[in-house]
Amino acid sequence: MERAENLARIIEVNETSARDRTGNQNWLSIVQLNGDEARFFEKHASATVETVIGFYVADAENPTSIVSAVSNARENARTLRPLVSTEMWVQLNVFYNRVKAIGPAELMPGSLARLLAEIKEACQTFTGMTEGTFYRDQAWYFYRIGRYIERADQTTRLLDAKYHLLTRDSDHAAPAVEIGQWHAVLRSASGYHAFRRVHSSDLTPARVASFLLFNPGFPRSVYLCVREVETALSELKSRYRLHGGNDISEALDQLRSILTARSIDEILESGLHEFIDFLQRYLIVITDRLSATFFGYAQAEKGEPPGGVGSPLEPAPEMPS
C-alpha cells in the first residue's frame, strides 16, 4: 500500500512538470527510477505519457504497477486474514475493486490528477485504519518496519526524479521555471506546508533536498524513516526477546549517523544522484537481512537453514566520497 501511494506521488510530480530544461517530455525517468527498462521496452516502443502512465497505473502484467501493488497487498492480507482487522480488510477490498476498474479514460491527462488524488486518499485511509485498529503485537512492528523502509526508498526516488534540475549554484533561488517543479516535488511528498514552516524565505533546490533527506520532523524524510525502523526493530527485539538482528541494528545506526553527519553541500558536491543510489542500495541490504534473520527468506532460497545473516547476503555498500 505504501508503494502504491508513493508511485502515485511520483507519477503526479512528473505529470505536473513533465518537461525538462530543454522543453522535452521526460517520462523515461520514471521507468529508469524503477529499473524497469527491459520490462517496459518489451511491451512499448517509446516512453510516452500514455505508455508510461498505463504501464505504472493499470497494467496488471507489470509487477511494479499500482494495480499490481494493491493486488499483492490484498493477497497478503487474505493470507494473514486472522491478523488483519475487519476495517483494514474491508477498505483494502474496496480499494482493490476500484483500481481493477480503472478505465482508459481515467488515464488521460485531463482525468489523471483526479485519479492519482483518489489513489493517494485511499492509501492514506488504509494507513489511518491500520493505525486505529491493528493489534499491537509482533505483526504491528514488522508492519511499521516495512512501511518506513518502503517510504524512505520512495522518498529518495521522488527526489531522484528531479535531481538533474539542481543548478550549479544550488544554494541560491532557482530560476522561476525550476521553482514550480520543486514546489511540485514538495507537494507530491505532502511536504510543502511543512517545508514552509522550516524555510519561510526563498526556496532553493539545496533546501528542498536537505528537507526530504535530513529533516527529523517531516514524516517522509529519509532520516525520520530510518529512525522509525530502528526504533521499531529495537522494541520488537526487546518485547518479544527475538534473537538475531544485531547486525541490522548496527547497520541502521550507521546509516542514521551518516545522515546526521553529512551536509547537503557535501552531498551536492560529490553527487546527489550517487548519494541517493547509495541510500537505495543500503535499504535493499537491510531488507534482505531482515528477511533472512526473521523469516529465513534469502537463505531458504539457497537451501540453507534460517535464523541468521550469513555470507550469501550482500554487505552494506560503501558511501560515495
Protein backbone atom coordinates (compact mmCIF):
# COMPACT_ATOMS: atom_id res chain seq x y z
CA MET A 1 0.00 0.00 0.00
CA GLU A 2 2.88 2.35 0.76
CA ARG A 3 4.36 1.57 -2.64
CA ALA A 4 1.07 2.25 -4.43
CA GLU A 5 0.75 5.63 -2.73
CA ASN A 6 4.31 6.68 -3.43
CA LEU A 7 4.15 5.57 -7.05
CA ALA A 8 1.07 7.77 -7.43
CA ARG A 9 3.12 10.62 -5.95
CA ILE A 10 5.98 10.09 -8.41
CA ILE A 11 3.61 10.00 -11.37
CA GLU A 12 1.91 13.12 -10.06
CA VAL A 13 5.11 15.16 -9.84
CA ASN A 14 6.11 14.08 -13.33
CA GLU A 15 2.66 14.81 -14.74
CA THR A 16 2.74 18.24 -13.12
CA SER A 17 6.18 19.10 -14.52
CA ALA A 18 6.80 16.62 -17.29
CA ARG A 19 9.14 18.82 -19.34
CA ASP A 20 12.84 19.06 -18.68
CA ARG A 21 15.09 22.10 -19.21
CA THR A 22 15.08 21.63 -22.98
CA GLY A 23 11.29 21.53 -23.10
CA ASN A 24 11.16 17.82 -23.96
CA GLN A 25 8.90 15.28 -22.33
CA ASN A 26 10.77 13.23 -19.73
CA TRP A 27 8.62 10.19 -18.92
CA LEU A 28 11.51 7.80 -19.37
CA SER A 29 12.87 8.96 -15.99
CA ILE A 30 10.07 7.10 -14.16
CA VAL A 31 10.95 3.88 -15.96
CA GLN A 32 14.62 4.36 -15.09
CA LEU A 33 13.89 5.17 -11.44
CA ASN A 34 12.15 1.83 -11.03
CA GLY A 35 14.75 -0.12 -13.02
CA ASP A 36 12.09 -1.32 -15.47
CA GLU A 37 13.71 -0.50 -18.81
CA ALA A 38 13.91 -4.11 -20.04
CA ARG A 39 10.35 -4.99 -19.00
CA PHE A 40 8.91 -1.73 -20.30
CA PHE A 41 10.53 -1.83 -23.74
CA GLU A 42 9.43 -5.40 -24.26
CA LYS A 43 5.89 -4.02 -24.48
CA HIS A 44 6.36 -0.43 -25.69
CA ALA A 45 8.48 1.18 -28.37
CA SER A 46 8.91 4.50 -26.55
CA ALA A 47 8.30 6.13 -23.18
CA THR A 48 5.40 8.49 -23.84
CA VAL A 49 2.88 9.89 -21.39
CA GLU A 50 0.31 7.29 -22.49
CA THR A 51 2.60 4.25 -22.35
CA VAL A 52 4.29 5.10 -19.05
CA ILE A 53 1.08 6.01 -17.20
CA GLY A 54 -0.67 2.90 -18.49
CA PHE A 55 2.32 0.75 -17.55
CA TYR A 56 2.56 2.06 -13.98
CA VAL A 57 -1.09 2.57 -13.11
CA ALA A 58 -3.27 -0.10 -14.70
CA ASP A 59 -1.01 -2.77 -16.26
CA ALA A 60 -1.67 -5.92 -14.21
CA GLU A 61 1.19 -7.70 -16.00
CA ASN A 62 3.68 -5.16 -14.65
CA PRO A 63 4.64 -6.25 -11.10
CA THR A 64 5.61 -2.67 -10.18
CA SER A 65 2.31 -1.06 -11.21
CA ILE A 66 -0.22 0.40 -8.80
CA VAL A 67 -2.82 -2.24 -9.65
CA SER A 68 -0.24 -5.00 -9.01
CA ALA A 69 0.84 -3.43 -5.70
CA VAL A 70 -2.77 -3.26 -4.47
CA SER A 71 -3.48 -6.78 -5.71
CA ASN A 72 -0.43 -8.09 -3.85
CA ALA A 73 -1.45 -6.20 -0.72
CA ARG A 74 -4.90 -7.78 -0.85
CA GLU A 75 -3.45 -11.26 -1.39
CA ASN A 76 -1.05 -10.81 1.53
CA ALA A 77 -3.92 -9.61 3.73
CA ARG A 78 -6.05 -12.58 2.67
CA THR A 79 -3.25 -14.97 3.62
CA LEU A 80 -2.88 -13.25 7.00
CA ARG A 81 -6.61 -12.63 7.47
CA PRO A 82 -6.65 -13.63 11.20
CA LEU A 83 -4.13 -10.85 11.92
CA VAL A 84 -5.85 -8.11 9.92
CA SER A 85 -8.70 -6.08 11.39
CA THR A 86 -12.10 -6.10 9.70
CA GLU A 87 -11.82 -2.39 8.93
CA MET A 88 -8.47 -2.90 7.18
CA TRP A 89 -9.81 -5.83 5.19
CA VAL A 90 -12.95 -4.01 4.02
CA GLN A 91 -11.03 -0.87 2.99
CA LEU A 92 -8.46 -2.93 1.11
CA ASN A 93 -11.18 -4.83 -0.79
CA VAL A 94 -13.00 -1.64 -1.74
CA PHE A 95 -9.75 -0.11 -2.97
CA TYR A 96 -8.79 -3.30 -4.83
CA ASN A 97 -12.08 -3.33 -6.72
CA ARG A 98 -11.65 0.35 -7.54
CA VAL A 99 -8.19 0.04 -9.10
CA LYS A 100 -9.23 -3.07 -11.01
CA ALA A 101 -11.98 -0.99 -12.61
CA ILE A 102 -9.71 1.84 -13.81
CA GLY A 103 -10.57 2.59 -17.41
CA PRO A 104 -8.57 4.16 -20.26
CA ALA A 105 -10.42 7.48 -19.97
CA GLU A 106 -9.19 7.94 -16.40
CA LEU A 107 -5.58 7.73 -17.57
CA MET A 108 -5.92 10.71 -19.88
CA PRO A 109 -4.20 13.97 -18.83
CA GLY A 110 -7.50 15.68 -18.02
CA SER A 111 -8.55 12.95 -15.57
CA LEU A 112 -5.24 11.63 -14.29
CA ALA A 113 -4.76 14.15 -11.47
CA ARG A 114 -8.15 13.27 -10.00
CA LEU A 115 -7.40 9.54 -10.22
CA LEU A 116 -3.99 9.92 -8.53
CA ALA A 117 -5.55 12.01 -5.74
CA GLU A 118 -8.14 9.26 -5.22
CA ILE A 119 -5.43 6.59 -5.05
CA LYS A 120 -3.41 8.58 -2.50
CA GLU A 121 -6.51 9.23 -0.39
CA ALA A 122 -7.47 5.53 -0.39
CA CYS A 123 -3.95 4.56 0.72
CA GLN A 124 -3.98 7.20 3.45
CA THR A 125 -7.39 5.96 4.62
CA PHE A 126 -5.97 2.46 4.89
CA THR A 127 -3.00 3.77 6.87
CA GLY A 128 -5.34 5.58 9.25
CA MET A 129 -7.48 2.50 9.75
CA THR A 130 -4.38 0.43 10.39
CA GLU A 131 -3.14 2.91 12.99
CA GLY A 132 -6.51 2.81 14.73
CA THR A 133 -7.39 -0.89 14.57
CA PHE A 134 -4.26 -3.04 14.12
CA TYR A 135 -3.42 -5.02 17.27
CA ARG A 136 -0.02 -4.06 18.69
CA ASP A 137 1.84 -7.37 18.60
CA GLN A 138 4.82 -8.59 16.57
CA ALA A 139 2.89 -8.12 13.32
CA TRP A 140 2.47 -4.43 14.12
CA TYR A 141 6.20 -3.87 14.48
CA PHE A 142 7.01 -5.71 11.27
CA TYR A 143 4.33 -3.65 9.53
CA ARG A 144 5.97 -0.42 10.72
CA ILE A 145 9.43 -1.62 9.74
CA GLY A 146 8.27 -2.49 6.23
CA ARG A 147 6.29 0.70 5.79
CA TYR A 148 9.13 3.02 6.77
CA ILE A 149 11.75 1.19 4.73
CA GLU A 150 9.49 1.47 1.70
CA ARG A 151 8.74 5.13 2.44
CA ALA A 152 12.43 6.02 2.76
CA ASP A 153 13.19 4.30 -0.53
CA GLN A 154 10.35 6.03 -2.34
CA THR A 155 11.29 9.46 -0.97
CA THR A 156 14.75 9.01 -2.49
CA ARG A 157 13.15 8.08 -5.80
CA LEU A 158 10.86 11.10 -5.71
CA LEU A 159 13.88 13.35 -5.15
CA ASP A 160 15.96 11.49 -7.73
CA ALA A 161 13.24 12.14 -10.32
CA LYS A 162 14.24 15.81 -10.31
CA TYR A 163 17.88 15.73 -9.17
CA HIS A 164 19.03 16.81 -12.65
CA LEU A 165 17.29 20.15 -12.09
CA LEU A 166 19.73 21.11 -9.35
CA THR A 167 21.61 24.14 -10.58
CA ARG A 168 25.33 24.51 -10.08
CA ASP A 169 24.64 27.33 -7.61
CA SER A 170 22.02 25.36 -5.71
CA ASP A 171 22.23 27.47 -2.54
CA HIS A 172 20.50 30.34 -4.31
CA ALA A 173 16.95 30.63 -5.51
CA ALA A 174 16.28 28.55 -8.60
CA PRO A 175 15.03 30.10 -11.84
CA ALA A 176 11.27 30.61 -11.97
CA VAL A 177 10.72 27.60 -14.25
CA GLU A 178 12.51 25.35 -11.77
CA ILE A 179 10.80 26.77 -8.68
CA GLY A 180 7.48 25.43 -9.92
CA GLN A 181 8.97 21.98 -10.34
CA TRP A 182 10.46 21.95 -6.85
CA HIS A 183 7.09 23.07 -5.49
CA ALA A 184 5.62 20.06 -7.25
CA VAL A 185 8.18 17.77 -5.62
CA LEU A 186 7.30 19.09 -2.16
CA ARG A 187 3.56 18.89 -2.77
CA SER A 188 3.86 15.33 -4.08
CA ALA A 189 5.58 14.42 -0.82
CA SER A 190 2.84 16.29 1.11
CA GLY A 191 5.66 18.44 2.40
CA TYR A 192 5.06 21.93 1.04
CA HIS A 193 3.49 23.42 4.17
CA ALA A 194 5.93 21.61 6.46
CA PHE A 195 8.81 22.94 4.36
CA ARG A 196 7.48 26.48 4.63
CA ARG A 197 7.31 26.17 8.41
CA VAL A 198 11.04 25.48 8.39
CA HIS A 199 12.03 27.76 5.49
CA SER A 200 9.83 30.81 5.12
CA SER A 201 12.28 32.59 2.83
CA ASP A 202 13.43 31.71 -0.69
CA LEU A 203 13.06 28.17 -1.91
CA THR A 204 16.35 26.68 -3.13
CA PRO A 205 16.99 23.22 -4.57
CA ALA A 206 19.51 22.51 -1.81
CA ARG A 207 16.95 23.30 0.88
CA VAL A 208 14.37 21.01 -0.70
CA ALA A 209 16.87 18.15 -0.99
CA SER A 210 18.04 18.66 2.59
CA PHE A 211 14.45 18.74 3.87
CA LEU A 212 13.49 15.47 2.17
CA LEU A 213 16.70 13.72 3.22
CA PHE A 214 17.52 15.00 6.71
CA ASN A 215 14.63 16.77 8.43
CA PRO A 216 13.90 14.95 11.73
CA GLY A 217 10.29 16.16 11.96
CA PHE A 218 8.96 15.53 8.45
CA PRO A 219 7.14 12.13 8.24
CA ARG A 220 8.57 11.28 4.81
CA SER A 221 12.18 12.35 5.28
CA VAL A 222 14.73 9.58 4.91
CA TYR A 223 16.20 10.38 8.33
CA LEU A 224 12.88 10.07 10.16
CA CYS A 225 12.03 6.84 8.33
CA VAL A 226 15.38 5.26 9.27
CA ARG A 227 14.90 6.35 12.88
CA GLU A 228 11.41 4.79 12.96
CA VAL A 229 12.73 1.50 11.54
CA GLU A 230 15.49 1.49 14.15
CA THR A 231 13.00 2.16 16.98
CA ALA A 232 10.51 -0.47 15.81
CA LEU A 233 13.25 -3.11 15.48
CA SER A 234 14.61 -2.32 18.94
CA GLU A 235 11.17 -2.57 20.55
CA LEU A 236 10.39 -5.76 18.62
CA LYS A 237 13.56 -7.48 19.81
CA SER A 238 13.17 -6.20 23.38
CA ARG A 239 9.49 -7.00 23.93
CA TYR A 240 9.49 -10.43 22.29
CA ARG A 241 13.08 -11.47 23.04
CA LEU A 242 13.79 -12.23 19.42
CA HIS A 243 17.28 -13.48 18.71
CA GLY A 244 19.37 -12.15 15.86
CA GLY A 245 19.22 -8.82 14.14
CA ASN A 246 22.06 -7.15 15.99
CA ASP A 247 23.91 -6.55 12.73
CA ILE A 248 20.75 -4.93 11.32
CA SER A 249 20.53 -2.60 14.31
CA GLU A 250 24.19 -1.68 13.84
CA ALA A 251 23.62 -1.04 10.11
CA LEU A 252 20.64 1.21 10.86
CA ASP A 253 22.63 3.10 13.48
CA GLN A 254 25.45 3.56 10.97
CA LEU A 255 23.04 4.82 8.32
CA ARG A 256 21.43 7.27 10.74
CA SER A 257 24.89 8.54 11.69
CA ILE A 258 25.72 9.10 8.02
CA LEU A 259 22.50 11.07 7.56
CA THR A 260 23.37 13.15 10.63
CA ALA A 261 27.00 13.78 9.74
CA ARG A 262 26.78 14.63 6.04
CA SER A 263 25.72 18.13 5.00
CA ILE A 264 23.72 18.80 1.88
CA ASP A 265 26.62 20.86 0.49
CA GLU A 266 28.97 17.87 0.76
CA ILE A 267 26.43 15.61 -0.90
CA LEU A 268 25.74 18.00 -3.76
CA GLU A 269 29.47 18.42 -4.33
CA SER A 270 30.07 14.67 -4.54
CA GLY A 271 26.82 14.00 -6.41
CA LEU A 272 23.23 13.85 -5.19
CA HIS A 273 22.31 11.02 -7.55
CA GLU A 274 25.24 8.93 -6.30
CA PHE A 275 24.24 9.51 -2.67
CA ILE A 276 20.63 8.57 -3.41
CA ASP A 277 21.83 5.42 -5.15
CA PHE A 278 23.89 4.59 -2.06
CA LEU A 279 20.83 5.02 0.19
CA GLN A 280 18.67 2.80 -2.02
CA ARG A 281 21.27 0.01 -2.10
CA TYR A 282 21.73 0.30 1.67
CA LEU A 283 17.98 -0.08 2.24
CA ILE A 284 17.92 -3.13 -0.02
CA VAL A 285 20.65 -4.76 2.07
CA ILE A 286 18.74 -4.02 5.30
CA THR A 287 15.58 -5.53 3.79
CA ASP A 288 17.49 -8.68 2.75
CA ARG A 289 18.95 -9.04 6.23
CA LEU A 290 15.56 -8.62 7.89
CA SER A 291 14.09 -11.24 5.57
CA ALA A 292 16.85 -13.72 6.30
CA THR A 293 17.05 -13.12 10.05
CA PHE A 294 13.38 -13.25 10.95
CA PHE A 295 11.80 -15.22 8.09
CA GLY A 296 14.66 -17.26 6.60
CA TYR A 297 13.77 -15.90 3.18
CA ALA A 298 17.13 -15.36 1.48
CA GLN A 299 18.79 -18.43 2.96
CA ALA A 300 15.79 -20.67 2.40
CA GLU A 301 16.08 -19.94 -1.32
CA LYS A 302 19.66 -21.24 -1.17
CA GLY A 303 18.69 -24.35 0.77
CA GLU A 304 20.30 -23.10 3.97
CA PRO A 305 18.77 -23.07 7.45
CA PRO A 306 17.08 -19.83 8.51
CA GLY A 307 17.87 -17.83 11.61
CA GLY A 308 20.96 -15.75 10.87
CA VAL A 309 22.63 -13.43 8.47
CA GLY A 310 25.41 -15.19 6.63
CA SER A 311 27.70 -14.83 3.68
CA PRO A 312 25.03 -15.12 0.95
CA LEU A 313 23.82 -11.63 1.80
CA GLU A 314 25.47 -8.59 0.31
CA PRO A 315 27.43 -6.38 2.72
CA ALA A 316 26.39 -2.79 3.23
CA PRO A 317 27.52 -0.63 0.30
CA GLU A 318 30.23 1.95 0.66
CA MET A 319 29.22 5.59 0.81
CA PRO A 320 30.38 7.75 -2.09
CA SER A 321 33.24 10.07 -1.18
